[in-house]
Amino acid sequence: MKQFYKHGDDCYLVHRDIAISLFTDKKGVLNMDNVKIWRDGLYGVDHVLKTESHFLFVETIKDAEIIEDEVELIEE
């Protein structure tokens, strides 16, 4: 089941959540290069959000755009 996450006015589709501790070394230093590698390696993921305990690898849900076709009416 897909999980959605709302952050401010933006909505996201969560592809994966991974504990922050898996991206830190033994001294507790965060390795953001590994986070970027995961972001780039997961299909559809275009953004990473951080909660208190996890990184959320998400896909931005774009706002819907209404497209109107131009139709010419021909009077007979």
N, C-alpha and C. Protein backbone atom coordinates (compact mmCIF):
# COMPACT_ATOMS: atom_id res chain seq x y z
N MET A 1 0.84 -1.18 0.00
CA MET A 1 0.00 0.00 0.00
C MET A 1 0.89 1.25 0.00
N LYS A 2 0.57 2.18 -0.88
CA LYS A 2 1.36 3.41 -1.00
C LYS A 2 1.04 4.35 0.16
N GLN A 3 2.06 5.04 0.63
CA GLN A 3 1.91 6.00 1.71
C GLN A 3 2.13 7.40 1.15
N PHE A 4 1.26 8.32 1.54
CA PHE A 4 1.38 9.70 1.13
C PHE A 4 1.81 10.54 2.32
N TYR A 5 2.53 11.61 2.04
CA TYR A 5 3.04 12.49 3.10
C TYR A 5 2.81 13.93 2.67
N LYS A 6 2.20 14.73 3.54
CA LYS A 6 1.96 16.13 3.24
C LYS A 6 2.92 16.97 4.07
N HIS A 7 3.64 17.85 3.39
CA HIS A 7 4.61 18.74 4.05
C HIS A 7 4.33 20.15 3.55
N GLY A 8 3.75 20.98 4.41
CA GLY A 8 3.35 22.32 3.97
C GLY A 8 2.23 22.20 2.96
N ASP A 9 2.38 22.84 1.82
CA ASP A 9 1.37 22.78 0.76
C ASP A 9 1.66 21.68 -0.26
N ASP A 10 2.74 20.95 -0.07
CA ASP A 10 3.16 19.94 -1.04
C ASP A 10 2.79 18.54 -0.56
N CYS A 11 2.45 17.68 -1.51
CA CYS A 11 2.15 16.28 -1.23
C CYS A 11 3.18 15.39 -1.90
N TYR A 12 3.50 14.30 -1.24
CA TYR A 12 4.53 13.39 -1.73
C TYR A 12 4.06 11.95 -1.64
N LEU A 13 4.58 11.13 -2.53
CA LEU A 13 4.39 9.69 -2.49
C LEU A 13 5.67 9.09 -1.91
N VAL A 14 5.55 8.40 -0.80
CA VAL A 14 6.72 7.83 -0.11
C VAL A 14 7.09 6.51 -0.78
N HIS A 15 8.31 6.44 -1.30
CA HIS A 15 8.81 5.21 -1.91
C HIS A 15 9.55 4.36 -0.88
N ARG A 16 10.24 5.02 0.04
CA ARG A 16 11.05 4.28 1.01
C ARG A 16 11.32 5.18 2.21
N ASP A 17 11.32 4.60 3.40
CA ASP A 17 11.78 5.33 4.59
C ASP A 17 12.89 4.51 5.24
N ILE A 18 13.97 5.21 5.58
CA ILE A 18 15.15 4.55 6.13
C ILE A 18 15.61 5.33 7.36
N ALA A 19 15.92 4.60 8.41
CA ALA A 19 16.36 5.22 9.66
C ALA A 19 17.61 6.07 9.44
N ILE A 20 17.63 7.24 10.05
CA ILE A 20 18.78 8.15 9.93
C ILE A 20 20.05 7.48 10.43
N SER A 21 19.92 6.64 11.43
CA SER A 21 21.10 5.99 12.01
C SER A 21 21.86 5.14 11.00
N LEU A 22 21.20 4.70 9.94
CA LEU A 22 21.89 3.90 8.92
C LEU A 22 22.79 4.74 8.03
N PHE A 23 22.68 6.05 8.13
CA PHE A 23 23.51 6.96 7.33
C PHE A 23 24.56 7.69 8.18
N THR A 24 24.75 7.24 9.41
CA THR A 24 25.75 7.86 10.28
C THR A 24 26.88 6.87 10.56
N ASP A 25 28.06 7.44 10.82
CA ASP A 25 29.19 6.58 11.18
C ASP A 25 29.18 6.31 12.68
N LYS A 26 30.21 5.65 13.18
CA LYS A 26 30.27 5.28 14.60
C LYS A 26 30.33 6.49 15.52
N LYS A 27 30.80 7.62 14.97
CA LYS A 27 30.89 8.85 15.77
C LYS A 27 29.60 9.67 15.69
N GLY A 28 28.64 9.19 14.91
CA GLY A 28 27.36 9.88 14.79
C GLY A 28 27.34 10.95 13.71
N VAL A 29 28.36 10.96 12.85
CA VAL A 29 28.44 11.95 11.77
C VAL A 29 27.60 11.46 10.59
N LEU A 30 26.70 12.33 10.14
CA LEU A 30 25.79 12.00 9.05
C LEU A 30 26.51 12.07 7.70
N ASN A 31 26.33 11.04 6.87
CA ASN A 31 26.95 10.99 5.55
C ASN A 31 25.88 11.29 4.50
N MET A 32 25.76 12.56 4.10
CA MET A 32 24.74 12.98 3.14
C MET A 32 25.01 12.46 1.74
N ASP A 33 26.26 12.12 1.44
CA ASP A 33 26.57 11.55 0.13
C ASP A 33 25.83 10.22 -0.07
N ASN A 34 25.74 9.42 1.00
CA ASN A 34 25.01 8.15 0.91
C ASN A 34 23.50 8.39 0.74
N VAL A 35 22.98 9.43 1.35
CA VAL A 35 21.57 9.77 1.18
C VAL A 35 21.31 10.13 -0.28
N LYS A 36 22.20 10.91 -0.87
CA LYS A 36 22.06 11.30 -2.28
C LYS A 36 22.15 10.08 -3.20
N ILE A 37 23.02 9.14 -2.88
CA ILE A 37 23.15 7.92 -3.68
C ILE A 37 21.83 7.15 -3.66
N TRP A 38 21.22 7.03 -2.49
CA TRP A 38 19.93 6.34 -2.38
C TRP A 38 18.85 7.09 -3.16
N ARG A 39 18.82 8.41 -3.02
CA ARG A 39 17.82 9.22 -3.74
C ARG A 39 17.93 8.99 -5.23
N ASP A 40 19.15 9.05 -5.74
CA ASP A 40 19.36 8.91 -7.18
C ASP A 40 19.15 7.48 -7.66
N GLY A 41 19.28 6.51 -6.78
CA GLY A 41 19.16 5.11 -7.16
C GLY A 41 17.75 4.55 -7.11
N LEU A 42 16.85 5.23 -6.42
CA LEU A 42 15.47 4.75 -6.32
C LEU A 42 14.62 5.36 -7.43
N TYR A 43 13.99 4.52 -8.22
CA TYR A 43 13.19 4.96 -9.36
C TYR A 43 12.02 5.84 -8.90
N GLY A 44 11.89 7.01 -9.51
CA GLY A 44 10.78 7.92 -9.23
C GLY A 44 11.04 8.90 -8.11
N VAL A 45 12.06 8.67 -7.31
CA VAL A 45 12.34 9.54 -6.17
C VAL A 45 13.03 10.81 -6.66
N ASP A 46 12.47 11.97 -6.27
CA ASP A 46 13.05 13.24 -6.67
C ASP A 46 13.34 14.17 -5.49
N HIS A 47 13.08 13.67 -4.26
CA HIS A 47 13.24 14.54 -3.09
C HIS A 47 13.43 13.66 -1.85
N VAL A 48 14.09 14.20 -0.84
CA VAL A 48 14.27 13.50 0.43
C VAL A 48 13.80 14.42 1.55
N LEU A 49 12.95 13.89 2.41
CA LEU A 49 12.49 14.62 3.59
C LEU A 49 13.05 13.93 4.83
N LYS A 50 13.23 14.71 5.88
CA LYS A 50 13.80 14.17 7.11
C LYS A 50 12.81 14.35 8.25
N THR A 51 12.50 13.26 8.94
CA THR A 51 11.70 13.33 10.16
C THR A 51 12.66 13.24 11.34
N GLU A 52 12.14 13.10 12.53
CA GLU A 52 13.02 12.99 13.70
C GLU A 52 13.88 11.74 13.66
N SER A 53 13.36 10.68 13.03
CA SER A 53 14.08 9.40 13.07
C SER A 53 14.40 8.80 11.71
N HIS A 54 13.79 9.31 10.63
CA HIS A 54 13.94 8.68 9.32
C HIS A 54 14.15 9.70 8.20
N PHE A 55 14.75 9.21 7.12
CA PHE A 55 14.73 9.92 5.86
C PHE A 55 13.60 9.32 5.04
N LEU A 56 12.79 10.17 4.43
CA LEU A 56 11.72 9.73 3.55
C LEU A 56 12.15 10.01 2.12
N PHE A 57 12.25 8.96 1.31
CA PHE A 57 12.61 9.11 -0.09
C PHE A 57 11.30 9.15 -0.86
N VAL A 58 11.01 10.33 -1.43
CA VAL A 58 9.67 10.60 -1.93
C VAL A 58 9.67 11.08 -3.38
N GLU A 59 8.48 10.99 -3.96
CA GLU A 59 8.22 11.52 -5.30
C GLU A 59 7.22 12.66 -5.13
N THR A 60 7.54 13.82 -5.67
CA THR A 60 6.67 14.98 -5.57
C THR A 60 5.43 14.76 -6.43
N ILE A 61 4.26 14.99 -5.84
CA ILE A 61 3.01 14.91 -6.58
C ILE A 61 2.73 16.31 -7.10
N LYS A 62 2.75 16.44 -8.40
CA LYS A 62 2.58 17.75 -9.02
C LYS A 62 1.11 18.14 -9.01
N ASP A 63 0.85 19.44 -8.93
CA ASP A 63 -0.52 19.94 -8.98
C ASP A 63 -1.13 19.62 -10.33
N ALA A 64 -2.41 19.31 -10.31
CA ALA A 64 -3.12 19.03 -11.55
C ALA A 64 -3.26 20.32 -12.36
N GLU A 65 -3.16 20.18 -13.65
CA GLU A 65 -3.30 21.33 -14.53
C GLU A 65 -4.41 21.03 -15.53
N ILE A 66 -5.38 21.93 -15.60
CA ILE A 66 -6.49 21.73 -16.52
C ILE A 66 -6.09 22.23 -17.90
N ILE A 67 -6.26 21.36 -18.86
CA ILE A 67 -5.94 21.71 -20.24
C ILE A 67 -7.24 21.71 -21.02
N GLU A 68 -7.54 22.84 -21.63
CA GLU A 68 -8.77 22.94 -22.41
C GLU A 68 -8.43 22.88 -23.89
N ASP A 69 -9.12 22.01 -24.59
CA ASP A 69 -8.94 21.93 -26.03
C ASP A 69 -9.73 23.06 -26.69
N GLU A 70 -9.13 23.63 -27.70
CA GLU A 70 -9.84 24.66 -28.47
C GLU A 70 -10.69 23.96 -29.51
N VAL A 71 -11.96 24.18 -29.44
CA VAL A 71 -12.88 23.58 -30.38
C VAL A 71 -13.60 24.68 -31.11
N GLU A 72 -13.52 24.62 -32.42
CA GLU A 72 -14.22 25.62 -33.21
C GLU A 72 -15.61 25.09 -33.56
N LEU A 73 -16.58 25.92 -33.34
CA LEU A 73 -17.94 25.56 -33.70
C LEU A 73 -18.22 26.13 -35.09
N ILE A 74 -18.69 25.29 -35.97
CA ILE A 74 -19.01 25.71 -37.32
C ILE A 74 -20.52 25.82 -37.45
N GLU A 75 -20.96 27.00 -37.74
CA GLU A 75 -22.38 27.21 -37.89
C GLU A 75 -22.79 26.91 -39.33
N GLU A 76 -23.86 26.19 -39.50
CA GLU A 76 -24.34 25.85 -40.85
C GLU A 76 -25.45 26.76 -41.28
